[in-house]
Amino acid sequence: MVEEALKEGGIKIKKVQIGEDMEALGIDKGEAEAILLAVELDSDEILVDQTHARLAATIFGLKPRGTIYVLLRALKDDIFDYDEYLKILEDLVRSGFRMSDEVYLEAVRLGKEKEREPDK
């Protein structure tokens, strides 16, 4: 799918230069590049999960969004139902995605709220 999107122009490759200031924040190279690209493209939001990357994104004026945000949006948009949402959360944890118990419980609660919203 990615190769097809590259061929069709839906995805474009752009190189960015990481400065020492980004390395000093202790974030991964890929996340640093994503943050700098988002700033360069004048984006408002960025998808990052790592705590250091979320902090760096905020410092650069971006609103960090994470995997759980994407899942909640998909749930709200009826891409899948609440039971599938819970299974995806469980699969994430099983596959090594790290989140605290508090974050997991909040994700479950927010998912339940989305399921009950009348505009769904």
N, C-alpha and C. Protein backbone atom coordinates (compact mmCIF):
# COMPACT_ATOMS: atom_id res chain seq x y z
N MET A 1 0.82 -1.19 0.00
CA MET A 1 0.00 0.00 0.00
C MET A 1 0.87 1.26 0.00
N VAL A 2 1.95 1.21 0.78
CA VAL A 2 2.84 2.37 0.85
C VAL A 2 3.51 2.60 -0.49
N GLU A 3 4.00 1.51 -1.10
CA GLU A 3 4.65 1.64 -2.40
C GLU A 3 3.69 2.21 -3.45
N GLU A 4 2.45 1.76 -3.40
CA GLU A 4 1.43 2.25 -4.34
C GLU A 4 1.17 3.74 -4.11
N ALA A 5 1.07 4.14 -2.85
CA ALA A 5 0.83 5.55 -2.52
C ALA A 5 2.01 6.41 -2.96
N LEU A 6 3.22 5.88 -2.84
CA LEU A 6 4.40 6.61 -3.32
C LEU A 6 4.34 6.81 -4.83
N LYS A 7 3.99 5.75 -5.55
CA LYS A 7 3.89 5.82 -7.01
C LYS A 7 2.82 6.81 -7.45
N GLU A 8 1.69 6.83 -6.73
CA GLU A 8 0.57 7.69 -7.10
C GLU A 8 0.72 9.12 -6.58
N GLY A 9 1.74 9.36 -5.76
CA GLY A 9 1.98 10.70 -5.24
C GLY A 9 1.23 11.03 -3.96
N GLY A 10 0.54 10.05 -3.39
CA GLY A 10 -0.18 10.29 -2.14
C GLY A 10 0.76 10.42 -0.95
N ILE A 11 1.93 9.82 -1.07
CA ILE A 11 2.97 9.94 -0.06
C ILE A 11 4.19 10.51 -0.74
N LYS A 12 4.79 11.49 -0.11
CA LYS A 12 6.01 12.10 -0.63
C LYS A 12 7.11 11.97 0.40
N ILE A 13 8.31 11.74 -0.07
CA ILE A 13 9.47 11.64 0.82
C ILE A 13 10.15 13.00 0.86
N LYS A 14 10.43 13.44 2.07
CA LYS A 14 11.09 14.73 2.25
C LYS A 14 12.12 14.57 3.36
N LYS A 15 13.33 15.02 3.10
CA LYS A 15 14.38 14.93 4.10
C LYS A 15 14.40 16.19 4.94
N VAL A 16 14.64 16.01 6.24
CA VAL A 16 14.79 17.13 7.15
C VAL A 16 16.10 16.95 7.91
N GLN A 17 16.67 18.05 8.35
CA GLN A 17 17.93 18.02 9.08
C GLN A 17 17.66 18.16 10.57
N ILE A 18 18.15 17.20 11.34
CA ILE A 18 17.98 17.23 12.79
C ILE A 18 19.15 17.98 13.41
N GLY A 19 18.84 18.97 14.22
CA GLY A 19 19.87 19.73 14.91
C GLY A 19 20.20 19.11 16.26
N GLU A 20 21.23 19.62 16.87
CA GLU A 20 21.64 19.13 18.19
C GLU A 20 20.56 19.37 19.24
N ASP A 21 19.77 20.42 19.06
CA ASP A 21 18.71 20.71 20.03
C ASP A 21 17.70 19.58 20.13
N MET A 22 17.41 18.94 19.01
CA MET A 22 16.48 17.81 19.01
C MET A 22 17.11 16.60 19.68
N GLU A 23 18.37 16.35 19.40
CA GLU A 23 19.06 15.22 20.01
C GLU A 23 19.14 15.39 21.53
N ALA A 24 19.29 16.63 21.98
CA ALA A 24 19.39 16.90 23.41
C ALA A 24 18.09 16.57 24.14
N LEU A 25 16.97 16.57 23.43
CA LEU A 25 15.69 16.25 24.05
C LEU A 25 15.52 14.75 24.29
N GLY A 26 16.42 13.95 23.73
CA GLY A 26 16.40 12.51 23.97
C GLY A 26 15.32 11.74 23.23
N ILE A 27 14.94 12.21 22.06
CA ILE A 27 13.91 11.49 21.31
C ILE A 27 14.54 10.75 20.13
N ASP A 28 13.84 9.75 19.65
CA ASP A 28 14.31 8.95 18.53
C ASP A 28 14.45 9.80 17.27
N LYS A 29 15.36 9.38 16.40
CA LYS A 29 15.63 10.12 15.16
C LYS A 29 14.36 10.27 14.31
N GLY A 30 13.61 9.20 14.16
CA GLY A 30 12.40 9.25 13.34
C GLY A 30 11.36 10.21 13.89
N GLU A 31 11.19 10.21 15.20
CA GLU A 31 10.24 11.14 15.81
C GLU A 31 10.73 12.58 15.70
N ALA A 32 12.03 12.78 15.84
CA ALA A 32 12.59 14.12 15.68
C ALA A 32 12.35 14.62 14.26
N GLU A 33 12.57 13.76 13.28
CA GLU A 33 12.32 14.14 11.89
C GLU A 33 10.85 14.46 11.65
N ALA A 34 9.97 13.65 12.23
CA ALA A 34 8.53 13.88 12.07
C ALA A 34 8.13 15.23 12.67
N ILE A 35 8.66 15.55 13.84
CA ILE A 35 8.34 16.83 14.49
C ILE A 35 8.83 17.99 13.65
N LEU A 36 10.07 17.91 13.18
CA LEU A 36 10.62 19.00 12.37
C LEU A 36 9.86 19.15 11.05
N LEU A 37 9.47 18.04 10.46
CA LEU A 37 8.70 18.10 9.22
C LEU A 37 7.33 18.74 9.47
N ALA A 38 6.69 18.36 10.56
CA ALA A 38 5.38 18.95 10.90
C ALA A 38 5.50 20.46 11.09
N VAL A 39 6.58 20.90 11.73
CA VAL A 39 6.81 22.34 11.92
C VAL A 39 7.04 23.00 10.57
N GLU A 40 7.87 22.37 9.75
CA GLU A 40 8.19 22.92 8.42
C GLU A 40 6.93 23.03 7.55
N LEU A 41 6.02 22.07 7.69
CA LEU A 41 4.79 22.06 6.89
C LEU A 41 3.68 22.89 7.54
N ASP A 42 3.99 23.53 8.66
CA ASP A 42 3.05 24.37 9.38
C ASP A 42 1.81 23.59 9.84
N SER A 43 2.05 22.39 10.32
CA SER A 43 0.97 21.55 10.84
C SER A 43 0.58 21.99 12.25
N ASP A 44 -0.61 21.62 12.66
CA ASP A 44 -1.07 21.90 14.02
C ASP A 44 -0.85 20.70 14.93
N GLU A 45 -1.00 19.50 14.37
CA GLU A 45 -0.95 18.27 15.15
C GLU A 45 0.12 17.33 14.60
N ILE A 46 0.49 16.38 15.47
CA ILE A 46 1.43 15.33 15.05
C ILE A 46 1.11 14.06 15.82
N LEU A 47 1.32 12.93 15.18
CA LEU A 47 1.07 11.64 15.80
C LEU A 47 2.38 11.12 16.40
N VAL A 48 2.46 11.15 17.73
CA VAL A 48 3.61 10.62 18.47
C VAL A 48 3.12 10.04 19.78
N ASP A 49 3.77 8.99 20.25
CA ASP A 49 3.38 8.36 21.51
C ASP A 49 4.42 8.53 22.61
N GLN A 50 5.69 8.50 22.25
CA GLN A 50 6.76 8.57 23.25
C GLN A 50 6.66 9.88 24.04
N THR A 51 6.81 9.79 25.36
CA THR A 51 6.66 10.96 26.23
C THR A 51 7.59 12.10 25.83
N HIS A 52 8.87 11.79 25.58
CA HIS A 52 9.82 12.83 25.19
C HIS A 52 9.41 13.49 23.88
N ALA A 53 8.92 12.70 22.95
CA ALA A 53 8.50 13.24 21.65
C ALA A 53 7.27 14.12 21.81
N ARG A 54 6.36 13.74 22.68
CA ARG A 54 5.17 14.55 22.93
C ARG A 54 5.56 15.90 23.54
N LEU A 55 6.50 15.87 24.46
CA LEU A 55 6.99 17.11 25.06
C LEU A 55 7.67 17.99 24.01
N ALA A 56 8.53 17.39 23.20
CA ALA A 56 9.21 18.14 22.14
C ALA A 56 8.21 18.74 21.17
N ALA A 57 7.20 17.98 20.80
CA ALA A 57 6.18 18.49 19.88
C ALA A 57 5.49 19.71 20.47
N THR A 58 5.18 19.65 21.75
CA THR A 58 4.55 20.78 22.43
C THR A 58 5.47 21.99 22.43
N ILE A 59 6.74 21.77 22.69
CA ILE A 59 7.72 22.86 22.69
C ILE A 59 7.75 23.54 21.32
N PHE A 60 7.58 22.76 20.27
CA PHE A 60 7.61 23.29 18.91
C PHE A 60 6.24 23.80 18.45
N GLY A 61 5.28 23.88 19.37
CA GLY A 61 3.97 24.45 19.06
C GLY A 61 2.99 23.50 18.41
N LEU A 62 3.27 22.21 18.48
CA LEU A 62 2.38 21.21 17.90
C LEU A 62 1.52 20.58 18.98
N LYS A 63 0.37 20.08 18.58
CA LYS A 63 -0.50 19.35 19.50
C LYS A 63 -0.25 17.86 19.26
N PRO A 64 0.41 17.19 20.22
CA PRO A 64 0.69 15.77 20.01
C PRO A 64 -0.57 14.92 20.16
N ARG A 65 -0.75 14.01 19.25
CA ARG A 65 -1.82 13.02 19.30
C ARG A 65 -1.16 11.65 19.29
N GLY A 66 -1.79 10.70 19.95
CA GLY A 66 -1.21 9.37 20.04
C GLY A 66 -2.08 8.30 19.43
N THR A 67 -1.61 7.09 19.55
CA THR A 67 -2.30 5.93 18.99
C THR A 67 -3.72 5.81 19.55
N ILE A 68 -3.87 6.04 20.84
CA ILE A 68 -5.20 5.92 21.44
C ILE A 68 -6.16 6.96 20.86
N TYR A 69 -5.65 8.16 20.60
CA TYR A 69 -6.47 9.19 19.96
C TYR A 69 -6.98 8.69 18.60
N VAL A 70 -6.09 8.09 17.83
CA VAL A 70 -6.47 7.58 16.50
C VAL A 70 -7.53 6.48 16.65
N LEU A 71 -7.34 5.60 17.61
CA LEU A 71 -8.32 4.53 17.82
C LEU A 71 -9.67 5.08 18.25
N LEU A 72 -9.66 6.09 19.13
CA LEU A 72 -10.92 6.70 19.55
C LEU A 72 -11.63 7.39 18.40
N ARG A 73 -10.87 8.04 17.53
CA ARG A 73 -11.47 8.67 16.34
C ARG A 73 -12.09 7.61 15.43
N ALA A 74 -11.38 6.51 15.25
CA ALA A 74 -11.90 5.43 14.40
C ALA A 74 -13.17 4.84 15.01
N LEU A 75 -13.19 4.70 16.32
CA LEU A 75 -14.39 4.21 17.01
C LEU A 75 -15.54 5.19 16.80
N LYS A 76 -15.28 6.46 16.97
CA LYS A 76 -16.32 7.49 16.79
C LYS A 76 -16.84 7.48 15.35
N ASP A 77 -15.95 7.25 14.38
CA ASP A 77 -16.33 7.26 12.97
C ASP A 77 -16.86 5.91 12.49
N ASP A 78 -17.14 5.01 13.44
CA ASP A 78 -17.70 3.68 13.13
C ASP A 78 -16.82 2.83 12.23
N ILE A 79 -15.52 3.00 12.33
CA ILE A 79 -14.59 2.13 11.59
C ILE A 79 -14.64 0.73 12.21
N PHE A 80 -14.82 0.68 13.52
CA PHE A 80 -15.02 -0.57 14.24
C PHE A 80 -15.88 -0.29 15.47
N ASP A 81 -16.36 -1.36 16.11
CA ASP A 81 -17.22 -1.17 17.27
C ASP A 81 -16.41 -1.24 18.57
N TYR A 82 -17.09 -1.06 19.68
CA TYR A 82 -16.42 -1.00 20.98
C TYR A 82 -15.68 -2.29 21.30
N ASP A 83 -16.29 -3.44 21.02
CA ASP A 83 -15.62 -4.72 21.30
C ASP A 83 -14.33 -4.85 20.49
N GLU A 84 -14.37 -4.43 19.24
CA GLU A 84 -13.15 -4.46 18.43
C GLU A 84 -12.11 -3.48 18.96
N TYR A 85 -12.57 -2.32 19.42
CA TYR A 85 -11.69 -1.33 20.03
C TYR A 85 -10.95 -1.93 21.22
N LEU A 86 -11.69 -2.61 22.10
CA LEU A 86 -11.06 -3.24 23.27
C LEU A 86 -10.06 -4.30 22.84
N LYS A 87 -10.40 -5.08 21.82
CA LYS A 87 -9.47 -6.11 21.33
C LYS A 87 -8.20 -5.47 20.78
N ILE A 88 -8.33 -4.37 20.07
CA ILE A 88 -7.16 -3.68 19.53
C ILE A 88 -6.29 -3.17 20.67
N LEU A 89 -6.89 -2.60 21.71
CA LEU A 89 -6.12 -2.15 22.87
C LEU A 89 -5.36 -3.31 23.50
N GLU A 90 -6.04 -4.43 23.68
CA GLU A 90 -5.40 -5.61 24.27
C GLU A 90 -4.27 -6.12 23.38
N ASP A 91 -4.50 -6.15 22.08
CA ASP A 91 -3.47 -6.59 21.13
C ASP A 91 -2.25 -5.66 21.17
N LEU A 92 -2.50 -4.36 21.30
CA LEU A 92 -1.39 -3.40 21.41
C LEU A 92 -0.52 -3.72 22.61
N VAL A 93 -1.16 -3.91 23.76
CA VAL A 93 -0.42 -4.21 24.99
C VAL A 93 0.34 -5.53 24.83
N ARG A 94 -0.31 -6.54 24.29
CA ARG A 94 0.32 -7.84 24.09
C ARG A 94 1.52 -7.76 23.16
N SER A 95 1.46 -6.85 22.20
CA SER A 95 2.55 -6.75 21.22
C SER A 95 3.70 -5.86 21.71
N GLY A 96 3.57 -5.32 22.94
CA GLY A 96 4.67 -4.54 23.49
C GLY A 96 4.44 -3.04 23.56
N PHE A 97 3.28 -2.58 23.11
CA PHE A 97 2.97 -1.15 23.22
C PHE A 97 2.84 -0.83 24.70
N ARG A 98 3.63 0.13 25.15
CA ARG A 98 3.66 0.44 26.58
C ARG A 98 2.73 1.59 26.92
N MET A 99 1.90 1.33 27.93
CA MET A 99 1.06 2.38 28.51
C MET A 99 0.79 1.98 29.95
N SER A 100 0.65 2.98 30.80
CA SER A 100 0.39 2.70 32.21
C SER A 100 -1.02 2.12 32.36
N ASP A 101 -1.25 1.52 33.52
CA ASP A 101 -2.59 1.00 33.81
C ASP A 101 -3.62 2.13 33.78
N GLU A 102 -3.20 3.31 34.27
CA GLU A 102 -4.11 4.45 34.30
C GLU A 102 -4.50 4.88 32.89
N VAL A 103 -3.54 4.91 31.98
CA VAL A 103 -3.81 5.29 30.59
C VAL A 103 -4.72 4.24 29.95
N TYR A 104 -4.44 2.97 30.20
CA TYR A 104 -5.27 1.90 29.65
C TYR A 104 -6.72 2.04 30.13
N LEU A 105 -6.89 2.23 31.43
CA LEU A 105 -8.25 2.36 31.98
C LEU A 105 -8.96 3.59 31.44
N GLU A 106 -8.21 4.68 31.27
CA GLU A 106 -8.80 5.89 30.70
C GLU A 106 -9.20 5.65 29.24
N ALA A 107 -8.39 4.91 28.50
CA ALA A 107 -8.72 4.59 27.11
C ALA A 107 -10.01 3.76 27.04
N VAL A 108 -10.15 2.81 27.96
CA VAL A 108 -11.36 2.00 28.02
C VAL A 108 -12.57 2.88 28.34
N ARG A 109 -12.41 3.77 29.33
CA ARG A 109 -13.51 4.66 29.72
C ARG A 109 -13.91 5.59 28.57
N LEU A 110 -12.92 6.19 27.92
CA LEU A 110 -13.20 7.08 26.80
C LEU A 110 -13.87 6.33 25.64
N GLY A 111 -13.43 5.11 25.41
CA GLY A 111 -14.06 4.29 24.37
C GLY A 111 -15.52 4.02 24.68
N LYS A 112 -15.80 3.74 25.94
CA LYS A 112 -17.19 3.49 26.36
C LYS A 112 -18.02 4.75 26.17
N GLU A 113 -17.44 5.92 26.49
CA GLU A 113 -18.15 7.19 26.28
C GLU A 113 -18.46 7.40 24.81
N LYS A 114 -17.49 7.14 23.96
CA LYS A 114 -17.69 7.32 22.51
C LYS A 114 -18.80 6.40 22.01
N GLU A 115 -18.81 5.19 22.55
CA GLU A 115 -19.84 4.22 22.13
C GLU A 115 -21.23 4.72 22.50
N ARG A 116 -21.35 5.43 23.60
CA ARG A 116 -22.65 5.88 24.09
C ARG A 116 -23.09 7.22 23.50
N GLU A 117 -22.18 7.92 22.81
CA GLU A 117 -22.54 9.24 22.27
C GLU A 117 -23.71 9.12 21.30
N PRO A 118 -24.69 10.00 21.42
CA PRO A 118 -25.89 9.91 20.59
C PRO A 118 -25.65 10.17 19.11
N ASP A 119 -24.63 10.95 18.76
CA ASP A 119 -24.39 11.27 17.35
C ASP A 119 -23.68 10.15 16.61
N LYS A 120 -23.42 9.07 17.26
CA LYS A 120 -22.70 7.95 16.64
C LYS A 120 -23.50 7.20 15.64
